[in-house]
Structures are given as structure tokens and as C-alpha cells.
Protein backbone atom coordinates (compact mmCIF):
# COMPACT_ATOMS: atom_id res chain seq x y z
CA MET A 1 22.61 -65.77 39.80
CA THR A 2 21.10 -67.80 36.98
CA PRO A 3 21.10 -66.01 33.60
CA SER A 4 17.76 -65.80 31.81
CA LYS A 5 17.46 -68.60 29.26
CA ASN A 6 14.78 -66.76 27.27
CA LEU A 7 16.76 -63.53 27.13
CA ARG A 8 19.83 -65.35 25.83
CA ALA A 9 17.70 -67.14 23.21
CA ILE A 10 16.21 -63.83 22.02
CA LEU A 11 19.63 -62.18 21.78
CA THR A 12 21.00 -65.16 19.83
CA GLU A 13 18.06 -64.95 17.43
CA LEU A 14 18.55 -61.21 16.90
CA THR A 15 22.28 -61.67 16.35
CA GLU A 16 21.62 -64.32 13.71
CA ASP A 17 18.92 -62.21 12.03
CA ALA A 18 21.16 -59.13 12.01
CA GLN A 19 23.55 -61.03 9.74
CA GLN A 20 20.82 -60.97 7.07
CA VAL A 21 20.33 -57.18 7.05
CA ASP A 22 21.98 -55.66 3.97
CA GLN A 23 24.16 -52.61 4.67
CA ALA A 24 23.58 -51.37 1.11
CA GLN A 25 19.84 -51.16 1.85
CA LEU A 26 20.56 -49.07 4.98
CA GLU A 27 22.76 -46.77 2.89
CA GLN A 28 19.96 -46.21 0.36
CA VAL A 29 17.51 -45.22 3.09
CA LYS A 30 20.08 -42.96 4.77
CA SER A 31 20.68 -41.24 1.43
CA LEU A 32 16.96 -40.55 1.07
CA ILE A 33 16.90 -39.12 4.60
CA LEU A 34 19.85 -36.83 3.92
CA ASN A 35 18.29 -35.54 0.69
CA ALA A 36 14.73 -35.04 1.91
CA ASP A 37 13.30 -31.64 2.80
CA ARG A 38 11.27 -33.24 5.59
CA VAL A 39 11.00 -36.78 6.94
CA PHE A 40 7.72 -38.42 7.89
CA ILE A 41 7.74 -41.64 9.90
CA ALA A 42 4.85 -44.11 10.18
CA GLY A 43 4.15 -47.48 11.70
CA ALA A 44 1.32 -49.26 13.47
CA GLY A 45 1.24 -51.24 16.69
CA ARG A 46 4.56 -52.32 18.15
CA SER A 47 6.35 -51.56 14.86
CA GLY A 48 5.00 -48.04 15.27
CA PHE A 49 6.64 -47.74 18.70
CA ALA A 50 10.04 -48.52 17.18
CA ALA A 51 9.36 -46.10 14.31
CA ARG A 52 8.31 -43.39 16.77
CA ALA A 53 11.62 -43.79 18.61
CA PHE A 54 13.44 -43.39 15.28
CA SER A 55 11.61 -40.14 14.57
CA ASN A 56 12.70 -38.91 17.99
CA ARG A 57 16.36 -39.67 17.26
CA LEU A 58 16.16 -38.00 13.83
CA MET A 59 14.86 -34.88 15.60
CA HIS A 60 17.82 -35.10 17.99
CA LEU A 61 20.07 -34.98 14.91
CA GLY A 62 18.34 -31.81 13.70
CA PHE A 63 16.11 -33.21 10.96
CA THR A 64 12.65 -31.78 10.36
CA VAL A 65 10.70 -34.91 11.19
CA TYR A 66 7.09 -35.81 11.90
CA PHE A 67 5.42 -38.97 13.15
CA VAL A 68 2.31 -39.51 11.03
CA GLY A 69 -0.91 -39.26 12.99
CA GLU A 70 0.13 -36.55 15.41
CA PRO A 71 -2.02 -33.41 15.26
CA THR A 72 0.96 -31.23 14.33
CA THR A 73 1.98 -33.37 11.34
CA PRO A 74 1.62 -31.29 8.15
CA SER A 75 0.74 -32.54 4.68
CA ILE A 76 3.42 -34.43 2.79
CA ARG A 77 4.75 -32.96 -0.45
CA GLU A 78 7.28 -33.44 -3.22
CA ASN A 79 10.89 -33.62 -1.92
CA ASP A 80 9.65 -35.12 1.36
CA LEU A 81 10.30 -38.69 2.49
CA ILE A 82 8.03 -41.09 4.33
CA ILE A 83 9.56 -44.11 6.06
CA ILE A 84 7.05 -46.82 6.93
CA GLY A 85 7.88 -49.62 9.34
CA SER A 86 5.62 -52.56 8.54
CA GLY A 87 6.51 -56.19 9.07
CA SER A 88 3.73 -57.43 6.84
CA GLY A 89 3.96 -54.61 4.30
CA ARG A 90 0.22 -54.84 3.86
CA THR A 91 -1.37 -53.05 6.83
CA GLU A 92 -4.27 -51.24 5.16
CA GLY A 93 -3.80 -47.84 6.80
CA LEU A 94 -0.07 -47.86 6.05
CA VAL A 95 -0.66 -48.94 2.45
CA ASN A 96 -3.04 -45.99 2.06
CA MET A 97 -0.39 -43.64 3.51
CA ALA A 98 2.17 -44.98 1.04
CA LYS A 99 -0.23 -44.44 -1.88
CA LYS A 100 -1.00 -40.89 -0.75
CA ALA A 101 2.68 -40.04 -0.29
CA LYS A 102 3.52 -41.35 -3.76
CA SER A 103 0.61 -39.41 -5.28
CA GLU A 104 2.15 -36.25 -3.78
CA LYS A 105 5.52 -37.19 -5.36
CA ALA A 106 7.17 -37.87 -2.00
CA GLN A 107 9.85 -40.54 -1.70
CA LEU A 108 8.95 -43.75 0.14
CA ALA A 109 11.18 -46.07 2.15
CA THR A 110 10.09 -49.05 4.18
CA ILE A 111 11.44 -51.49 6.70
CA THR A 112 9.66 -54.79 6.21
CA ILE A 113 9.77 -58.57 6.26
CA HIS A 114 7.98 -58.76 2.91
CA PRO A 115 9.38 -56.47 0.18
CA THR A 116 7.01 -57.93 -2.43
CA ASN A 117 3.89 -56.89 -0.51
CA PRO A 118 2.17 -53.57 -1.40
CA ILE A 119 4.32 -51.10 0.55
CA GLY A 120 7.56 -52.71 -0.59
CA THR A 121 6.55 -52.64 -4.24
CA MET A 122 5.88 -48.89 -4.03
CA ALA A 123 9.10 -48.10 -2.15
CA ASP A 124 12.00 -46.15 -3.58
CA ALA A 125 14.23 -47.92 -1.04
CA LEU A 126 13.67 -50.65 1.50
CA ILE A 127 15.35 -52.54 4.27
CA GLN A 128 14.36 -56.18 4.50
CA ILE A 129 14.45 -57.67 7.98
CA PRO A 130 13.92 -61.39 8.58
CA GLY A 131 10.93 -62.36 10.65
CA ILE A 132 7.41 -63.64 10.65
CA SER A 133 4.34 -61.44 10.90
CA THR A 134 0.80 -62.25 11.92
CA GLY A 135 -0.92 -64.16 9.15
CA ASP A 136 2.30 -65.62 7.69
CA LYS A 137 2.47 -69.33 7.04
CA ALA A 138 4.81 -71.36 9.23
CA THR A 139 8.43 -71.17 8.09
CA GLU A 140 11.80 -71.91 9.59
CA LYS A 141 11.63 -68.44 11.14
CA ALA A 142 8.40 -69.42 12.90
CA ARG A 143 10.46 -71.50 15.32
CA SER A 144 11.21 -68.40 17.33
CA ILE A 145 10.32 -68.63 20.99
CA GLN A 146 8.78 -65.17 20.66
CA PRO A 147 5.31 -64.22 19.42
CA ASN A 148 5.01 -63.35 15.72
CA GLY A 149 6.37 -59.91 14.98
CA SER A 150 8.55 -59.54 18.07
CA SER A 151 11.91 -60.22 16.44
CA PHE A 152 11.01 -57.87 13.55
CA GLU A 153 10.07 -55.09 15.95
CA GLN A 154 13.21 -55.56 18.03
CA LEU A 155 15.54 -55.74 15.05
CA SER A 156 13.87 -52.78 13.35
CA TRP A 157 14.60 -50.71 16.48
CA LEU A 158 18.25 -51.75 16.26
CA VAL A 159 18.39 -51.04 12.51
CA TYR A 160 16.97 -47.56 13.13
CA ASP A 161 19.61 -46.98 15.83
CA ALA A 162 22.37 -48.25 13.51
CA MET A 163 21.30 -45.65 10.93
CA ILE A 164 21.33 -42.96 13.62
CA VAL A 165 24.93 -43.85 14.50
CA ASP A 166 25.94 -43.46 10.84
CA LEU A 167 23.92 -40.28 10.32
CA LYS A 168 25.48 -38.77 13.43
CA LYS A 169 28.94 -39.37 11.94
CA THR A 170 27.93 -38.11 8.48
CA LEU A 171 26.50 -34.92 9.97
CA LYS A 172 29.50 -34.51 12.27
CA GLN A 173 27.18 -34.25 15.25
CA GLU A 174 28.43 -34.60 18.81
CA GLN A 175 26.40 -35.97 21.67
CA THR A 176 26.18 -32.43 23.03
CA ASP A 177 24.40 -31.37 19.79
CA MET A 178 21.86 -34.13 20.28
CA ASP A 179 21.50 -33.38 23.98
CA TYR A 180 20.74 -29.72 23.16
CA ARG A 181 17.74 -30.86 21.09
CA HIS A 182 16.55 -33.34 23.72
CA ALA A 183 13.23 -32.51 25.39
CA ASN A 184 13.63 -30.14 28.33
CA LEU A 185 9.97 -29.79 29.31
CA GLU A 186 9.85 -33.19 30.96
């Protein structure tokens, strides 16, 4: 067997990038989650897939959680939290969601490459993940073997899962608790 060169390169890149994720930022977002009445999750494209998976895991932990855009998602209100995954931090539809949530006095958290872009500047808490998004100028990070955005999307998935591990401990949940809430109409 010959190990995959590309897979090893991707894992090395993610391991290096993970060293730049600040645990204090994760703690701030987890605190907002624990104190929110309801949690709304949003993201577009591939970042949205990772965010959708996070909403699923939050549901498994017993949170009242909605993925924005689903027909059963209610209106956001004060004491709610919206978490937006956006590498660029400037996706127009997500910026509009952030503005609407803030106008309703909801809390806003984001996972982004660019904390100084519109969503990051509105956020009550953020997690900065290294990466390059479409439209960014070439940087050292641009040397990735992957297409723009891929390392952000992959690492955001892992960051979401890392928060789930901590929330599971904080809530004293067992795997059987999560399994009970797992879909059974599959």
C-alpha cells in the first residue's frame, strides 16, 4: 500500500492551522451557546454544510437549535444566538442575516477567516480560523494544495466538533443521551 500524498499534506496543513485557533475564542462562543434561549446556525455553500452538521450535534445535546433557511425555522428574538460560519465574513445574504439578528437584539457569533469584515465587526464573539477565501489576495496561506476555502471548511467542522466535546462534558451528557435524540425515522 502507498499512503496518499495529498491526504497527508491536507492533514499536515490542518494540524498546523489548528495551532492558530484560540481556545479563549471557543470558550466565548460556548458561553453564548449555554446562555442562549435558542441557537440559530447559518452558513452558505460548503461552510454551510459544516455549520449544518454543527446544528445537528447541538440538537443531539438537547439544545433548541435551528438551521436558518429551513421552513420550520422561527423568527429570531432577544436572548437568542445566531452563529454564522463564513470564511470571507462578507457573503451578502449572511451579512443581512447578521444585521437582522442584531436588530432583534439577538447575540451573534461567527467563525471566520476575516474578523474585520462585516460579520466579524458585528459579532459579540468570534472564532478566527486561518485560511484563504475566494477573492482573497495571494498570501502565504494561498500555498495550500487545496482550492480556496477548503481548509477553512474542514477546520471549521473540527472546531465545531471540538466545541461539542466540551459542551457534552459541561452538560454532563453521555453518548446514550445523544443517541436518544438521534434521528430514528431514517
